[in-house]
PDB file of N, CA and C in Angstrom:
ATOM      1  N   UNK A   1     -16.153  -2.197  27.696  1.00  0.00           N
ATOM      2  CA  UNK A   1     -14.925  -1.607  27.221  1.00  0.00           C
ATOM      3  C   UNK A   1     -15.168  -0.131  26.954  1.00  0.00           C
ATOM      4  N   UNK A   2     -14.261   0.693  27.355  1.00  0.00           N
ATOM      5  CA  UNK A   2     -14.402   2.131  27.170  1.00  0.00           C
ATOM      6  C   UNK A   2     -14.349   2.485  25.688  1.00  0.00           C
ATOM      7  N   UNK A   3     -15.094   3.500  25.314  1.00  0.00           N
ATOM      8  CA  UNK A   3     -15.141   3.918  23.916  1.00  0.00           C
ATOM      9  C   UNK A   3     -13.771   4.355  23.410  1.00  0.00           C
ATOM     10  N   UNK A   4     -12.951   4.934  24.263  1.00  0.00           N
ATOM     11  CA  UNK A   4     -11.630   5.413  23.862  1.00  0.00           C
ATOM     12  C   UNK A   4     -10.694   4.276  23.469  1.00  0.00           C
ATOM     13  N   UNK A   5     -10.991   3.056  23.882  1.00  0.00           N
ATOM     14  CA  UNK A   5     -10.119   1.927  23.585  1.00  0.00           C
ATOM     15  C   UNK A   5     -10.451   1.263  22.254  1.00  0.00           C
ATOM     16  N   UNK A   6     -11.539   1.641  21.635  1.00  0.00           N
ATOM     17  CA  UNK A   6     -11.944   1.044  20.367  1.00  0.00           C
ATOM     18  C   UNK A   6     -11.350   1.866  19.227  1.00  0.00           C
ATOM     19  N   UNK A   7     -10.574   1.201  18.373  1.00  0.00           N
ATOM     20  CA  UNK A   7      -9.975   1.869  17.219  1.00  0.00           C
ATOM     21  C   UNK A   7     -10.905   1.666  16.028  1.00  0.00           C
ATOM     22  N   UNK A   8     -11.377   2.757  15.421  1.00  0.00           N
ATOM     23  CA  UNK A   8     -12.246   2.612  14.255  1.00  0.00           C
ATOM     24  C   UNK A   8     -11.538   1.856  13.136  1.00  0.00           C
ATOM     25  N   UNK A   9     -12.312   1.081  12.378  1.00  0.00           N
ATOM     26  CA  UNK A   9     -11.748   0.245  11.321  1.00  0.00           C
ATOM     27  C   UNK A   9     -10.949   1.061  10.316  1.00  0.00           C
ATOM     28  N   UNK A  10     -11.498   2.192   9.873  1.00  0.00           N
ATOM     29  CA  UNK A  10     -10.801   2.975   8.850  1.00  0.00           C
ATOM     30  C   UNK A  10      -9.476   3.533   9.367  1.00  0.00           C
ATOM     31  N   UNK A  11      -9.386   3.821  10.646  1.00  0.00           N
ATOM     32  CA  UNK A  11      -8.121   4.298  11.211  1.00  0.00           C
ATOM     33  C   UNK A  11      -7.085   3.183  11.251  1.00  0.00           C
ATOM     34  N   UNK A  12      -7.516   1.973  11.546  1.00  0.00           N
ATOM     35  CA  UNK A  12      -6.593   0.830  11.550  1.00  0.00           C
ATOM     36  C   UNK A  12      -6.077   0.553  10.141  1.00  0.00           C
ATOM     37  N   UNK A  13      -6.946   0.684   9.141  1.00  0.00           N
ATOM     38  CA  UNK A  13      -6.531   0.472   7.754  1.00  0.00           C
ATOM     39  C   UNK A  13      -5.539   1.549   7.333  1.00  0.00           C
ATOM     40  N   UNK A  14      -5.814   2.790   7.677  1.00  0.00           N
ATOM     41  CA  UNK A  14      -4.893   3.881   7.327  1.00  0.00           C
ATOM     42  C   UNK A  14      -3.537   3.695   7.996  1.00  0.00           C
ATOM     43  N   UNK A  15      -3.520   3.237   9.234  1.00  0.00           N
ATOM     44  CA  UNK A  15      -2.252   2.972   9.922  1.00  0.00           C
ATOM     45  C   UNK A  15      -1.490   1.851   9.222  1.00  0.00           C
ATOM     46  N   UNK A  16      -2.199   0.820   8.777  1.00  0.00           N
ATOM     47  CA  UNK A  16      -1.557  -0.280   8.050  1.00  0.00           C
ATOM     48  C   UNK A  16      -1.013   0.205   6.707  1.00  0.00           C
ATOM     49  N   UNK A  17      -1.747   1.090   6.045  1.00  0.00           N
ATOM     50  CA  UNK A  17      -1.280   1.649   4.772  1.00  0.00           C
ATOM     51  C   UNK A  17       0.008   2.429   4.974  1.00  0.00           C
ATOM     52  N   UNK A  18       0.047   3.291   5.977  1.00  0.00           N
ATOM     53  CA  UNK A  18       1.265   4.076   6.230  1.00  0.00           C
ATOM     54  C   UNK A  18       2.439   3.176   6.588  1.00  0.00           C
ATOM     55  N   UNK A  19       2.188   2.115   7.332  1.00  0.00           N
ATOM     56  CA  UNK A  19       3.248   1.160   7.684  1.00  0.00           C
ATOM     57  C   UNK A  19       3.796   0.480   6.424  1.00  0.00           C
ATOM     58  N   UNK A  20       2.897   0.059   5.532  1.00  0.00           N
ATOM     59  CA  UNK A  20       3.320  -0.577   4.278  1.00  0.00           C
ATOM     60  C   UNK A  20       4.046   0.416   3.370  1.00  0.00           C
ATOM     61  N   UNK A  21       3.594   1.681   3.351  1.00  0.00           N
ATOM     62  CA  UNK A  21       4.292   2.707   2.575  1.00  0.00           C
ATOM     63  C   UNK A  21       5.728   2.872   3.067  1.00  0.00           C
ATOM     64  N   UNK A  22       5.902   2.927   4.376  1.00  0.00           N
ATOM     65  CA  UNK A  22       7.251   3.096   4.931  1.00  0.00           C
ATOM     66  C   UNK A  22       8.147   1.915   4.586  1.00  0.00           C
ATOM     67  N   UNK A  23       7.622   0.705   4.670  1.00  0.00           N
ATOM     68  CA  UNK A  23       8.395  -0.480   4.290  1.00  0.00           C
ATOM     69  C   UNK A  23       8.777  -0.432   2.811  1.00  0.00           C
ATOM     70  N   UNK A  24       7.824  -0.075   1.965  1.00  0.00           N
ATOM     71  CA  UNK A  24       8.082  -0.024   0.525  1.00  0.00           C
ATOM     72  C   UNK A  24       9.079   1.073   0.177  1.00  0.00           C
ATOM     73  N   UNK A  25       8.971   2.231   0.818  1.00  0.00           N
ATOM     74  CA  UNK A  25       9.914   3.321   0.542  1.00  0.00           C
ATOM     75  C   UNK A  25      11.324   2.944   0.960  1.00  0.00           C
ATOM     76  N   UNK A  26      11.451   2.244   2.078  1.00  0.00           N
ATOM     77  CA  UNK A  26      12.773   1.808   2.530  1.00  0.00           C
ATOM     78  C   UNK A  26      13.360   0.775   1.576  1.00  0.00           C
ATOM     79  N   UNK A  27      12.521  -0.062   1.021  1.00  0.00           N
ATOM     80  CA  UNK A  27      13.004  -1.135   0.147  1.00  0.00           C
ATOM     81  C   UNK A  27      13.186  -0.694  -1.300  1.00  0.00           C
ATOM     82  N   UNK A  28      12.249   0.105  -1.825  1.00  0.00           N
ATOM     83  CA  UNK A  28      12.243   0.425  -3.252  1.00  0.00           C
ATOM     84  C   UNK A  28      12.562   1.880  -3.583  1.00  0.00           C
ATOM     85  N   UNK A  29      12.607   2.750  -2.598  1.00  0.00           N
ATOM     86  CA  UNK A  29      12.882   4.164  -2.875  1.00  0.00           C
ATOM     87  C   UNK A  29      11.751   4.791  -3.674  1.00  0.00           C
ATOM     88  N   UNK A  30      12.105   5.425  -4.779  1.00  0.00           N
ATOM     89  CA  UNK A  30      11.112   6.087  -5.631  1.00  0.00           C
ATOM     90  C   UNK A  30      10.741   5.227  -6.832  1.00  0.00           C
ATOM     91  N   UNK A  31      10.465   3.968  -6.594  1.00  0.00           N
ATOM     92  CA  UNK A  31      10.047   3.053  -7.653  1.00  0.00           C
ATOM     93  C   UNK A  31       8.748   3.553  -8.281  1.00  0.00           C
ATOM     94  N   UNK A  32       8.611   3.377  -9.588  1.00  0.00           N
ATOM     95  CA  UNK A  32       7.441   3.896 -10.289  1.00  0.00           C
ATOM     96  C   UNK A  32       6.143   3.278  -9.785  1.00  0.00           C
ATOM     97  N   UNK A  33       6.164   2.002  -9.387  1.00  0.00           N
ATOM     98  CA  UNK A  33       4.943   1.374  -8.889  1.00  0.00           C
ATOM     99  C   UNK A  33       4.495   2.017  -7.577  1.00  0.00           C
ATOM    100  N   UNK A  34       5.458   2.275  -6.703  1.00  0.00           N
ATOM    101  CA  UNK A  34       5.136   2.908  -5.428  1.00  0.00           C
ATOM    102  C   UNK A  34       4.604   4.320  -5.644  1.00  0.00           C
ATOM    103  N   UNK A  35       5.222   5.059  -6.550  1.00  0.00           N
ATOM    104  CA  UNK A  35       4.757   6.415  -6.843  1.00  0.00           C
ATOM    105  C   UNK A  35       3.349   6.402  -7.430  1.00  0.00           C
ATOM    106  N   UNK A  36       3.051   5.430  -8.276  1.00  0.00           N
ATOM    107  CA  UNK A  36       1.703   5.323  -8.850  1.00  0.00           C
ATOM    108  C   UNK A  36       0.662   5.035  -7.775  1.00  0.00           C
ATOM    109  N   UNK A  37       0.990   4.131  -6.867  1.00  0.00           N
ATOM    110  CA  UNK A  37       0.064   3.811  -5.776  1.00  0.00           C
ATOM    111  C   UNK A  37      -0.168   5.047  -4.917  1.00  0.00           C
ATOM    112  N   UNK A  38       0.919   5.723  -4.576  1.00  0.00           N
ATOM    113  CA  UNK A  38       0.828   6.898  -3.710  1.00  0.00           C
ATOM    114  C   UNK A  38       0.002   8.008  -4.349  1.00  0.00           C
ATOM    115  N   UNK A  39       0.205   8.247  -5.642  1.00  0.00           N
ATOM    116  CA  UNK A  39      -0.522   9.313  -6.336  1.00  0.00           C
ATOM    117  C   UNK A  39      -2.009   9.004  -6.513  1.00  0.00           C
ATOM    118  N   UNK A  40      -2.357   7.732  -6.602  1.00  0.00           N
ATOM    119  CA  UNK A  40      -3.751   7.356  -6.854  1.00  0.00           C
ATOM    120  C   UNK A  40      -4.543   7.020  -5.601  1.00  0.00           C
ATOM    121  N   UNK A  41      -3.870   6.933  -4.458  1.00  0.00           N
ATOM    122  CA  UNK A  41      -4.566   6.628  -3.208  1.00  0.00           C
ATOM    123  C   UNK A  41      -5.537   7.753  -2.881  1.00  0.00           C
ATOM    124  N   UNK A  42      -6.781   7.410  -2.682  1.00  0.00           N
ATOM    125  CA  UNK A  42      -7.810   8.389  -2.360  1.00  0.00           C
ATOM    126  C   UNK A  42      -8.452   8.998  -3.592  1.00  0.00           C
ATOM    127  N   UNK A  43      -7.840   8.796  -4.747  1.00  0.00           N
ATOM    128  CA  UNK A  43      -8.387   9.320  -5.991  1.00  0.00           C
ATOM    129  C   UNK A  43      -9.075   8.186  -6.751  1.00  0.00           C
ATOM    130  N   UNK A  44      -8.288   7.288  -7.308  1.00  0.00           N
ATOM    131  CA  UNK A  44      -8.864   6.143  -8.017  1.00  0.00           C
ATOM    132  C   UNK A  44      -8.725   4.847  -7.232  1.00  0.00           C
ATOM    133  N   UNK A  45      -7.937   4.857  -6.162  1.00  0.00           N
ATOM    134  CA  UNK A  45      -7.771   3.672  -5.311  1.00  0.00           C
ATOM    135  C   UNK A  45      -8.355   3.940  -3.930  1.00  0.00           C
ATOM    136  N   UNK A  46      -9.237   3.070  -3.473  1.00  0.00           N
ATOM    137  CA  UNK A  46      -9.733   3.209  -2.106  1.00  0.00           C
ATOM    138  C   UNK A  46      -8.716   2.605  -1.135  1.00  0.00           C
ATOM    139  N   UNK A  47      -8.979   2.717   0.157  1.00  0.00           N
ATOM    140  CA  UNK A  47      -8.026   2.268   1.174  1.00  0.00           C
ATOM    141  C   UNK A  47      -7.720   0.777   1.070  1.00  0.00           C
ATOM    142  N   UNK A  48      -8.723  -0.026   0.882  1.00  0.00           N
ATOM    143  CA  UNK A  48      -8.503  -1.482   0.841  1.00  0.00           C
ATOM    144  C   UNK A  48      -7.679  -1.901  -0.374  1.00  0.00           C
ATOM    145  N   UNK A  49      -7.974  -1.314  -1.522  1.00  0.00           N
ATOM    146  CA  UNK A  49      -7.219  -1.638  -2.731  1.00  0.00           C
ATOM    147  C   UNK A  49      -5.774  -1.145  -2.598  1.00  0.00           C
ATOM    148  N   UNK A  50      -5.588   0.029  -2.027  1.00  0.00           N
ATOM    149  CA  UNK A  50      -4.244   0.561  -1.803  1.00  0.00           C
ATOM    150  C   UNK A  50      -3.447  -0.356  -0.899  1.00  0.00           C
ATOM    151  N   UNK A  51      -4.047  -0.796   0.189  1.00  0.00           N
ATOM    152  CA  UNK A  51      -3.360  -1.693   1.118  1.00  0.00           C
ATOM    153  C   UNK A  51      -3.014  -3.014   0.443  1.00  0.00           C
ATOM    154  N   UNK A  52      -3.924  -3.545  -0.342  1.00  0.00           N
ATOM    155  CA  UNK A  52      -3.668  -4.802  -1.051  1.00  0.00           C
ATOM    156  C   UNK A  52      -2.498  -4.649  -2.030  1.00  0.00           C
ATOM    157  N   UNK A  53      -2.448  -3.540  -2.762  1.00  0.00           N
ATOM    158  CA  UNK A  53      -1.363  -3.318  -3.714  1.00  0.00           C
ATOM    159  C   UNK A  53      -0.024  -3.116  -3.006  1.00  0.00           C
ATOM    160  N   UNK A  54      -0.024  -2.390  -1.896  1.00  0.00           N
ATOM    161  CA  UNK A  54       1.219  -2.186  -1.149  1.00  0.00           C
ATOM    162  C   UNK A  54       1.744  -3.489  -0.569  1.00  0.00           C
ATOM    163  N   UNK A  55       0.863  -4.306  -0.045  1.00  0.00           N
ATOM    164  CA  UNK A  55       1.291  -5.600   0.501  1.00  0.00           C
ATOM    165  C   UNK A  55       1.859  -6.487  -0.602  1.00  0.00           C
ATOM    166  N   UNK A  56       1.248  -6.456  -1.758  1.00  0.00           N
ATOM    167  CA  UNK A  56       1.752  -7.227  -2.891  1.00  0.00           C
ATOM    168  C   UNK A  56       3.121  -6.715  -3.322  1.00  0.00           C
ATOM    169  N   UNK A  57       3.290  -5.413  -3.379  1.00  0.00           N
ATOM    170  CA  UNK A  57       4.585  -4.825  -3.740  1.00  0.00           C
ATOM    171  C   UNK A  57       5.658  -5.235  -2.746  1.00  0.00           C
ATOM    172  N   UNK A  58       5.364  -5.145  -1.466  1.00  0.00           N
ATOM    173  CA  UNK A  58       6.351  -5.496  -0.443  1.00  0.00           C
ATOM    174  C   UNK A  58       6.658  -6.991  -0.429  1.00  0.00           C
ATOM    175  N   UNK A  59       5.690  -7.815  -0.710  1.00  0.00           N
ATOM    176  CA  UNK A  59       5.882  -9.263  -0.672  1.00  0.00           C
ATOM    177  C   UNK A  59       6.537  -9.791  -1.943  1.00  0.00           C
ATOM    178  N   UNK A  60       6.081  -9.318  -3.110  1.00  0.00           N
ATOM    179  CA  UNK A  60       6.493  -9.899  -4.386  1.00  0.00           C
ATOM    180  C   UNK A  60       7.435  -9.029  -5.207  1.00  0.00           C
ATOM    181  N   UNK A  61       7.625  -7.790  -4.797  1.00  0.00           N
ATOM    182  CA  UNK A  61       8.448  -6.882  -5.590  1.00  0.00           C
ATOM    183  C   UNK A  61       7.680  -6.229  -6.722  1.00  0.00           C
ATOM    184  N   UNK A  62       6.376  -6.500  -6.799  1.00  0.00           N
ATOM    185  CA  UNK A  62       5.515  -5.902  -7.808  1.00  0.00           C
ATOM    186  C   UNK A  62       4.093  -5.840  -7.256  1.00  0.00           C
ATOM    187  N   UNK A  63       3.371  -4.808  -7.636  1.00  0.00           N
ATOM    188  CA  UNK A  63       1.989  -4.707  -7.176  1.00  0.00           C
ATOM    189  C   UNK A  63       1.031  -5.386  -8.153  1.00  0.00           C
ATOM    190  N   UNK A  64       1.586  -5.950  -9.209  1.00  0.00           N
ATOM    191  CA  UNK A  64       0.771  -6.649 -10.199  1.00  0.00           C
ATOM    192  C   UNK A  64       0.894  -8.149 -10.001  1.00  0.00           C
ATOM    193  N   UNK A  65      -0.175  -8.859 -10.275  1.00  0.00           N
ATOM    194  CA  UNK A  65      -0.164 -10.305 -10.053  1.00  0.00           C
ATOM    195  C   UNK A  65       0.613 -11.044 -11.130  1.00  0.00           C
ATOM    196  N   UNK A  66       0.665 -10.486 -12.337  1.00  0.00           N
ATOM    197  CA  UNK A  66       1.410 -11.119 -13.423  1.00  0.00           C
ATOM    198  C   UNK A  66       2.209 -10.066 -14.175  1.00  0.00           C
ATOM    199  N   UNK A  67       3.339 -10.488 -14.695  1.00  0.00           N
ATOM    200  CA  UNK A  67       4.150  -9.613 -15.538  1.00  0.00           C
ATOM    201  C   UNK A  67       3.983 -10.092 -16.973  1.00  0.00           C
ATOM    202  N   UNK A  68       3.656  -9.195 -17.868  1.00  0.00           N
ATOM    203  CA  UNK A  68       3.496  -9.562 -19.271  1.00  0.00           C
ATOM    204  C   UNK A  68       4.834  -9.553 -19.998  1.00  0.00           C
ATOM    205  N   UNK A  69       5.682  -8.654 -19.629  1.00  0.00           N
ATOM    206  CA  UNK A  69       7.029  -8.611 -20.187  1.00  0.00           C
ATOM    207  C   UNK A  69       7.946  -8.022 -19.121  1.00  0.00           C
ATOM    208  N   UNK A  70       9.204  -8.267 -19.274  1.00  0.00           N
ATOM    209  CA  UNK A  70      10.150  -7.797 -18.273  1.00  0.00           C
ATOM    210  C   UNK A  70      11.295  -7.080 -18.965  1.00  0.00           C
ATOM    211  N   UNK A  71      11.666  -5.954 -18.436  1.00  0.00           N
ATOM    212  CA  UNK A  71      12.774  -5.190 -18.984  1.00  0.00           C
ATOM    213  C   UNK A  71      13.869  -5.127 -17.942  1.00  0.00           C
ATOM    214  N   UNK A  72      14.977  -5.758 -18.202  1.00  0.00           N
ATOM    215  CA  UNK A  72      16.104  -5.751 -17.258  1.00  0.00           C
ATOM    216  C   UNK A  72      17.250  -4.925 -17.784  1.00  0.00           C
TER     217      UNK A  72
END
């Protein structure tokens, strides 16, 4: 297989992150959870943790596994 056809792992993860960001922005707009993830990506969150949090946000409506209290 030609070297040009191999996509490096980190590039595939970054593409998945951007795809999840676009889905979350379309669904949630400027939600505080999305803004927190975006601001901390590359600083306190590595690529894998960022992707995991974005997928959780898009799937469950929250990037946290449990809610301690809810404000409606």
